[in-house]
């Protein structure tokens, strides 16, 4: 019998081996978080001053040689290995829901004494503040020009830009580059899709969860795949493909509907579904024989399709000397003449006018 450790408590639910077959609570001792490095082991090189003003937004000197940490081609000295580094910390027993940034980069020296979580965020997890990322850093309204940094709170971004891929050593097999990227990036979350721009050394990795994308961005920055390349990982810009925009809009709509349904009382949700069934909006409860040729129920088809335009009555062709247009003109002239000859009931009083407003 295998026990699955929980990330928030020391109690896990496992299948029972008894005759009743009921699940039982088993107490297990979880592994403490490992110290990834020792204090003082990594020496961070001071950035050489190449200007007079230090830009906190881009982490570089203004007026210098445009050196910043995203353009550096020096491989990171550490890397996070979830299989050996994950464990409980002081944050598991408290109210801190944020992940340790240095743990994601593989260089946290505190281990189980760290005040942040040392684990991968589950894809269903939610943060207490949507204006902060998974590490507790405040987001901004706009992205940086180089698409680095924390990101924006105005857009849910799940796609990473991965640059500096080494395509010169690949064997030429179709899908080999995609498989290699998936093998390295799926360690930090469930990957939805990967797109590689062959010949440019660029790939786009889309995760199911935005939180896992934030974690993978920090974990894979300045790392290597199977060769000596140094990856440049940033946020991807919005995909201009109309199909991708429609898929993302449909996904956001589906997530929103599921979130609203979870917050509403179950009884209210049940009544709403019953009303939809009565009105024919639920395809699953409509009889099989009531569908049209293309599979749409008649009640739903009546709501979707527009009503047919009214057909103007066809006028009979005139058999006399005058056409219908001439007859209509004569009727209009006759009506105007009758109105003009009608006597005025007020007589001369109707023509009386006064300049006095009183």
Protein backbone atom coordinates (compact mmCIF):
# COMPACT_ATOMS: atom_id res chain seq x y z
CA UNK A 1 0.00 0.00 0.00
CA UNK A 2 1.46 3.35 -1.08
CA UNK A 3 0.96 6.50 0.93
CA UNK A 4 0.64 9.86 -0.85
CA UNK A 5 2.05 12.71 1.23
CA UNK A 6 -0.06 15.82 1.62
CA UNK A 7 1.41 19.28 1.07
CA UNK A 8 -0.62 21.02 3.76
CA UNK A 9 -0.89 18.55 6.64
CA UNK A 10 0.55 15.33 7.97
CA UNK A 11 -2.68 13.38 7.34
CA UNK A 12 -3.38 11.58 4.09
CA UNK A 13 -6.30 9.41 2.94
CA UNK A 14 -5.38 5.97 1.63
CA UNK A 15 -7.54 2.96 0.67
CA UNK A 16 -8.12 0.56 3.49
CA UNK A 17 -7.10 -3.09 3.26
CA UNK A 18 -9.84 -4.28 5.60
CA UNK A 19 -13.08 -6.05 4.79
CA UNK A 20 -15.20 -2.91 5.03
CA UNK A 21 -13.29 -1.21 2.19
CA UNK A 22 -13.77 2.24 3.75
CA UNK A 23 -10.96 4.83 3.46
CA UNK A 24 -9.04 5.55 6.61
CA UNK A 25 -6.77 8.31 7.83
CA UNK A 26 -3.12 7.36 7.97
CA UNK A 27 -0.53 9.51 9.73
CA UNK A 28 2.68 9.86 7.77
CA UNK A 29 5.81 11.86 8.41
CA UNK A 30 6.58 14.18 5.56
CA UNK A 31 10.03 15.08 4.38
CA UNK A 32 11.48 18.44 5.43
CA UNK A 33 12.64 20.84 2.75
CA UNK A 34 16.28 20.43 1.82
CA UNK A 35 18.82 23.22 1.95
CA UNK A 36 19.65 23.73 -1.69
CA UNK A 37 22.85 25.70 -1.00
CA UNK A 38 24.85 26.80 2.00
CA UNK A 39 24.97 30.41 3.05
CA UNK A 40 27.71 32.23 1.21
CA UNK A 41 28.17 29.42 -1.29
CA UNK A 42 26.98 31.53 -4.23
CA UNK A 43 28.65 34.86 -4.75
CA UNK A 44 26.58 37.26 -6.77
CA UNK A 45 28.72 39.42 -8.97
CA UNK A 46 28.16 43.12 -8.54
CA UNK A 47 26.91 44.87 -11.64
CA UNK A 48 29.57 47.13 -13.05
CA UNK A 49 28.56 50.77 -13.03
CA UNK A 50 28.26 51.93 -16.64
CA UNK A 51 26.17 55.07 -16.04
CA UNK A 52 25.18 57.67 -13.51
CA UNK A 53 21.60 56.54 -12.75
CA UNK A 54 20.52 53.01 -11.79
CA UNK A 55 17.16 51.96 -13.30
CA UNK A 56 15.25 49.83 -10.80
CA UNK A 57 12.66 48.89 -13.43
CA UNK A 58 15.16 47.27 -15.82
CA UNK A 59 17.90 46.53 -13.25
CA UNK A 60 20.65 48.29 -15.15
CA UNK A 61 22.52 51.57 -15.31
CA UNK A 62 20.92 54.21 -17.53
CA UNK A 63 23.15 55.39 -20.35
CA UNK A 64 25.33 52.29 -20.19
CA UNK A 65 25.87 49.42 -22.57
CA UNK A 66 22.33 48.03 -22.16
CA UNK A 67 23.53 45.18 -19.93
CA UNK A 68 20.79 43.49 -17.93
CA UNK A 69 20.21 40.11 -16.36
CA UNK A 70 17.97 38.91 -19.21
CA UNK A 71 20.71 39.38 -21.82
CA UNK A 72 23.45 37.71 -19.81
CA UNK A 73 24.70 34.46 -21.33
CA UNK A 74 26.19 32.96 -18.19
CA UNK A 75 24.57 29.73 -17.10
CA UNK A 76 22.94 29.64 -13.68
CA UNK A 77 24.96 27.93 -10.97
CA UNK A 78 21.93 26.20 -9.43
CA UNK A 79 18.72 24.53 -10.56
CA UNK A 80 15.59 23.44 -8.71
CA UNK A 81 15.02 19.68 -8.64
CA UNK A 82 11.51 19.07 -7.31
CA UNK A 83 12.11 15.39 -6.64
CA UNK A 84 14.74 16.13 -3.98
CA UNK A 85 14.14 19.77 -2.95
CA UNK A 86 10.39 19.70 -2.20
CA UNK A 87 9.43 19.48 1.48
CA UNK A 88 7.61 21.17 4.34
CA UNK A 89 8.69 24.52 5.77
CA UNK A 90 7.43 26.94 8.39
CA UNK A 91 4.94 28.31 5.86
CA UNK A 92 3.00 25.02 5.79
CA UNK A 93 1.74 25.60 9.31
CA UNK A 94 1.01 29.31 8.81
CA UNK A 95 -0.97 31.56 6.54
CA UNK A 96 1.71 32.19 3.93
CA UNK A 97 0.52 30.85 0.57
CA UNK A 98 3.43 32.08 -1.53
CA UNK A 99 6.32 30.06 -2.96
CA UNK A 100 9.96 30.80 -2.19
CA UNK A 101 11.54 32.58 -5.15
CA UNK A 102 15.01 31.28 -4.32
CA UNK A 103 13.63 27.74 -4.07
CA UNK A 104 12.39 28.02 -7.66
CA UNK A 105 15.86 29.18 -8.69
CA UNK A 106 17.46 26.34 -6.72
CA UNK A 107 19.43 28.49 -4.27
CA UNK A 108 17.47 28.71 -0.99
CA UNK A 109 19.85 28.24 1.99
CA UNK A 110 17.15 27.95 4.69
CA UNK A 111 15.44 24.64 3.89
CA UNK A 112 12.74 23.74 6.40
CA UNK A 113 13.33 27.02 8.27
CA UNK A 114 12.20 29.09 5.28
CA UNK A 115 9.08 31.22 5.78
CA UNK A 116 7.88 30.47 2.23
CA UNK A 117 6.58 27.26 0.66
CA UNK A 118 9.02 24.85 -0.99
CA UNK A 119 6.79 23.06 -3.49
CA UNK A 120 5.21 23.39 -6.89
CA UNK A 121 1.86 25.25 -6.83
CA UNK A 122 -1.06 22.98 -7.81
CA UNK A 123 -2.80 24.01 -11.02
CA UNK A 124 -6.13 24.47 -9.19
CA UNK A 125 -4.65 26.67 -6.45
CA UNK A 126 -5.64 30.33 -6.09
CA UNK A 127 -3.72 33.17 -4.49
CA UNK A 128 -5.25 35.50 -1.89
CA UNK A 129 -4.24 38.54 -3.95
CA UNK A 130 -4.61 38.50 -7.74
CA UNK A 131 -2.31 41.54 -8.01
CA UNK A 132 0.67 39.43 -6.86
CA UNK A 133 2.42 36.53 -8.51
CA UNK A 134 3.02 33.08 -7.03
CA UNK A 135 6.11 34.40 -5.18
CA UNK A 136 4.24 37.31 -3.55
CA UNK A 137 5.74 40.00 -5.77
CA UNK A 138 3.49 42.86 -6.85
CA UNK A 139 2.49 42.91 -10.50
CA UNK A 140 2.32 46.03 -12.65
CA UNK A 141 -0.30 47.38 -15.02
CA UNK A 142 1.97 47.05 -18.05
CA UNK A 143 4.69 44.64 -19.13
CA UNK A 144 8.26 45.76 -19.45
CA UNK A 145 9.48 46.51 -22.95
CA UNK A 146 11.62 43.36 -22.90
CA UNK A 147 8.69 41.26 -21.49
CA UNK A 148 10.73 40.36 -18.43
CA UNK A 149 9.99 40.97 -14.78
CA UNK A 150 6.93 40.01 -12.77
CA UNK A 151 4.25 40.66 -15.39
CA UNK A 152 0.92 42.47 -15.58
CA UNK A 153 -2.25 42.05 -13.53
CA UNK A 154 -4.40 43.16 -16.49
CA UNK A 155 -3.81 39.97 -18.46
CA UNK A 156 -3.67 36.28 -17.58
CA UNK A 157 -0.51 35.06 -19.28
CA UNK A 158 0.23 31.33 -19.39
CA UNK A 159 2.73 31.33 -22.26
CA UNK A 160 6.52 31.64 -21.95
CA UNK A 161 8.91 32.83 -24.62
CA UNK A 162 12.00 30.59 -24.69
CA UNK A 163 14.95 31.93 -26.67
CA UNK A 164 18.53 30.89 -27.49
CA UNK A 165 17.62 27.29 -28.33
CA UNK A 166 20.52 25.33 -29.82
CA UNK A 167 19.22 23.80 -33.04
CA UNK A 168 22.60 23.11 -34.61
CA UNK A 169 23.09 19.84 -32.73
CA UNK A 170 19.64 18.35 -33.18
CA UNK A 171 19.43 15.15 -35.18
CA UNK A 172 16.88 16.44 -37.66
CA UNK A 173 14.07 14.13 -36.55
CA UNK A 174 10.61 15.63 -36.66
CA UNK A 175 9.37 16.57 -33.22
CA UNK A 176 12.74 16.00 -31.52
CA UNK A 177 13.05 19.62 -30.39
CA UNK A 178 9.47 19.66 -29.10
CA UNK A 179 10.04 16.47 -27.10
CA UNK A 180 13.21 17.85 -25.53
CA UNK A 181 11.51 21.10 -24.50
CA UNK A 182 8.53 19.21 -23.09
CA UNK A 183 10.77 16.91 -21.07
CA UNK A 184 12.43 19.85 -19.32
CA UNK A 185 9.45 22.18 -18.87
CA UNK A 186 6.80 19.68 -17.83
CA UNK A 187 8.71 19.14 -14.59
CA UNK A 188 7.29 22.44 -13.37
CA UNK A 189 3.67 22.01 -14.43
CA UNK A 190 1.26 20.55 -16.95
CA UNK A 191 2.04 21.86 -20.43
CA UNK A 192 -0.87 22.59 -22.75
CA UNK A 193 1.03 23.12 -26.01
CA UNK A 194 4.48 23.87 -27.43
CA UNK A 195 5.26 25.77 -30.59
CA UNK A 196 8.80 25.87 -31.99
CA UNK A 197 9.96 28.38 -34.60
CA UNK A 198 12.58 26.28 -36.35
CA UNK A 199 15.52 28.19 -37.71
CA UNK A 200 15.09 31.00 -35.16
CA UNK A 201 15.94 29.16 -31.96
CA UNK A 202 12.68 30.25 -30.35
CA UNK A 203 9.83 28.31 -28.73
CA UNK A 204 6.58 29.16 -26.96
CA UNK A 205 5.50 27.00 -24.02
CA UNK A 206 1.90 27.31 -22.77
CA UNK A 207 0.95 25.92 -19.35
CA UNK A 208 -2.47 24.94 -18.07
CA UNK A 209 -2.01 27.10 -14.96
CA UNK A 210 -0.71 30.66 -14.84
CA UNK A 211 0.88 30.03 -11.43
CA UNK A 212 2.90 27.12 -12.78
CA UNK A 213 3.98 29.29 -15.72
CA UNK A 214 5.27 31.88 -13.24
CA UNK A 215 7.19 29.19 -11.39
CA UNK A 216 8.67 27.71 -14.59
CA UNK A 217 9.79 31.13 -15.80
CA UNK A 218 12.03 31.59 -12.77
CA UNK A 219 13.09 27.93 -12.61
CA UNK A 220 14.24 27.72 -16.25
CA UNK A 221 15.82 31.17 -16.61
CA UNK A 222 19.52 30.88 -17.57
CA UNK A 223 19.25 27.07 -17.59
CA UNK A 224 20.24 24.59 -20.30
CA UNK A 225 18.34 21.77 -21.97
CA UNK A 226 20.47 18.89 -23.27
CA UNK A 227 23.34 21.05 -24.52
CA UNK A 228 25.36 24.10 -23.48
CA UNK A 229 22.82 26.74 -24.49
CA UNK A 230 21.74 29.38 -21.94
CA UNK A 231 17.98 29.89 -22.19
CA UNK A 232 16.36 33.30 -22.24
CA UNK A 233 12.88 32.89 -20.73
CA UNK A 234 10.42 35.78 -20.74
CA UNK A 235 6.71 36.39 -20.99
CA UNK A 236 5.22 35.90 -24.44
CA UNK A 237 3.28 38.66 -26.12
CA UNK A 238 -0.36 38.13 -27.04
CA UNK A 239 -0.81 35.70 -29.92
CA UNK A 240 -2.20 37.61 -32.94
CA UNK A 241 -3.67 34.44 -34.43
CA UNK A 242 -7.51 34.87 -34.56
CA UNK A 243 -8.01 31.18 -33.81
CA UNK A 244 -5.88 31.43 -30.67
CA UNK A 245 -7.80 34.50 -29.56
CA UNK A 246 -11.12 32.69 -29.97
CA UNK A 247 -9.83 29.66 -28.05
CA UNK A 248 -8.57 31.85 -25.21
CA UNK A 249 -11.86 33.77 -25.08
CA UNK A 250 -13.82 30.50 -24.97
CA UNK A 251 -11.54 29.19 -22.21
CA UNK A 252 -11.99 32.33 -20.10
CA UNK A 253 -15.75 32.15 -20.60
CA UNK A 254 -15.81 28.51 -19.54
CA UNK A 255 -13.68 29.19 -16.46
CA UNK A 256 -15.92 32.12 -15.53
CA UNK A 257 -19.08 30.05 -15.83
CA UNK A 258 -17.58 27.29 -13.69
CA UNK A 259 -16.51 29.81 -11.05
CA UNK A 260 -19.97 31.39 -10.92
CA UNK A 261 -21.64 27.99 -10.68
CA UNK A 262 -19.43 27.04 -7.71
CA UNK A 263 -20.39 30.20 -5.81
CA UNK A 264 -24.13 29.90 -6.42
CA UNK A 265 -26.28 27.66 -4.18
CA UNK A 266 -26.69 24.16 -5.66
CA UNK A 267 -30.48 24.48 -5.46
CA UNK A 268 -30.42 27.63 -7.58
CA UNK A 269 -28.13 26.01 -10.16
CA UNK A 270 -30.49 23.03 -10.35
CA UNK A 271 -33.51 25.29 -10.95
CA UNK A 272 -31.67 27.20 -13.68
CA UNK A 273 -30.83 23.94 -15.44
CA UNK A 274 -34.45 22.82 -15.17
CA UNK A 275 -35.58 26.07 -16.81
CA UNK A 276 -33.05 25.54 -19.59
CA UNK A 277 -34.39 22.03 -20.08
CA UNK A 278 -37.97 23.29 -20.34
CA UNK A 279 -36.99 25.92 -22.87
CA UNK A 280 -35.01 23.42 -24.91
CA UNK A 281 -31.60 24.97 -24.24
CA UNK A 282 -30.15 21.73 -22.91
CA UNK A 283 -29.22 19.49 -25.82
CA UNK A 284 -28.67 16.44 -23.66
CA UNK A 285 -32.30 16.17 -22.43
CA UNK A 286 -34.01 16.64 -25.78
CA UNK A 287 -35.56 13.60 -27.44
CA UNK A 288 -33.60 11.88 -30.16
CA UNK A 289 -36.43 12.09 -32.65
CA UNK A 290 -37.01 15.83 -32.24
CA UNK A 291 -33.71 16.97 -33.78
CA UNK A 292 -33.47 18.34 -37.28
CA UNK A 293 -31.12 17.08 -39.94
CA UNK A 294 -28.14 18.99 -38.55
CA UNK A 295 -28.76 17.84 -34.97
CA UNK A 296 -30.12 21.07 -33.44
CA UNK A 297 -33.33 20.87 -31.34
CA UNK A 298 -36.31 22.80 -32.79
CA UNK A 299 -36.70 25.03 -29.70
CA UNK A 300 -33.03 25.96 -29.74
CA UNK A 301 -33.09 26.43 -33.51
CA UNK A 302 -36.01 28.85 -33.14
CA UNK A 303 -33.91 30.99 -30.73
CA UNK A 304 -30.78 30.94 -32.87
CA UNK A 305 -32.16 31.40 -36.35
CA UNK A 306 -33.74 34.69 -37.32
CA UNK A 307 -37.41 34.81 -38.21
CA UNK A 308 -38.07 34.63 -41.96
CA UNK A 309 -38.60 37.99 -43.59
CA UNK A 310 -42.24 38.72 -44.50
CA UNK A 311 -42.99 38.22 -48.17
CA UNK A 312 -44.62 41.21 -49.82
CA UNK A 313 -47.91 40.35 -51.51
CA UNK A 314 -47.61 40.18 -55.23
CA UNK A 315 -49.74 42.75 -57.05
CA UNK A 316 -51.74 41.68 -60.02
CA UNK A 317 -50.80 43.13 -63.33
CA UNK A 318 -53.24 45.89 -64.46
CA UNK A 319 -55.58 44.89 -67.25
CA UNK A 320 -56.87 48.44 -68.06
CA UNK A 321 -55.33 51.43 -69.74
CA UNK A 322 -53.82 52.91 -66.53
CA UNK A 323 -51.09 51.31 -64.44
CA UNK A 324 -51.19 50.90 -60.66
CA UNK A 325 -48.85 53.87 -60.27
CA UNK A 326 -51.16 56.13 -62.24
CA UNK A 327 -54.16 54.96 -60.23
CA UNK A 328 -52.40 55.68 -56.95
CA UNK A 329 -51.53 59.21 -58.13
CA UNK A 330 -55.14 59.91 -59.07
CA UNK A 331 -56.33 58.68 -55.65
CA UNK A 332 -53.87 61.01 -53.89
CA UNK A 333 -55.03 64.03 -55.91
CA UNK A 334 -58.67 63.22 -55.23
CA UNK A 335 -58.05 62.93 -51.48
CA UNK A 336 -56.24 66.28 -51.37
CA UNK A 337 -59.07 68.01 -53.20
CA UNK A 338 -61.69 66.62 -50.81
CA UNK A 339 -59.73 67.89 -47.81
CA UNK A 340 -59.43 71.38 -49.30
CA UNK A 341 -63.16 71.70 -50.01
CA UNK A 342 -64.22 70.62 -46.47
CA UNK A 343 -65.82 73.64 -44.63
CA UNK A 344 -64.28 74.91 -41.41
CA UNK A 345 -66.60 74.42 -38.45
CA UNK A 346 -65.19 77.40 -36.53
CA UNK A 347 -65.93 79.85 -39.32
CA UNK A 348 -64.18 83.20 -39.08
CA UNK A 349 -63.04 82.57 -35.52
CA UNK A 350 -60.42 80.15 -36.76
CA UNK A 351 -58.70 82.98 -38.59
CA UNK A 352 -58.67 85.25 -35.54
CA UNK A 353 -55.24 85.91 -34.16
CA UNK A 354 -54.00 87.87 -31.15
CA UNK A 355 -50.59 89.16 -30.22
CA UNK A 356 -51.52 89.25 -26.53
CA UNK A 357 -50.07 86.17 -24.78
CA UNK A 358 -52.56 86.55 -21.95
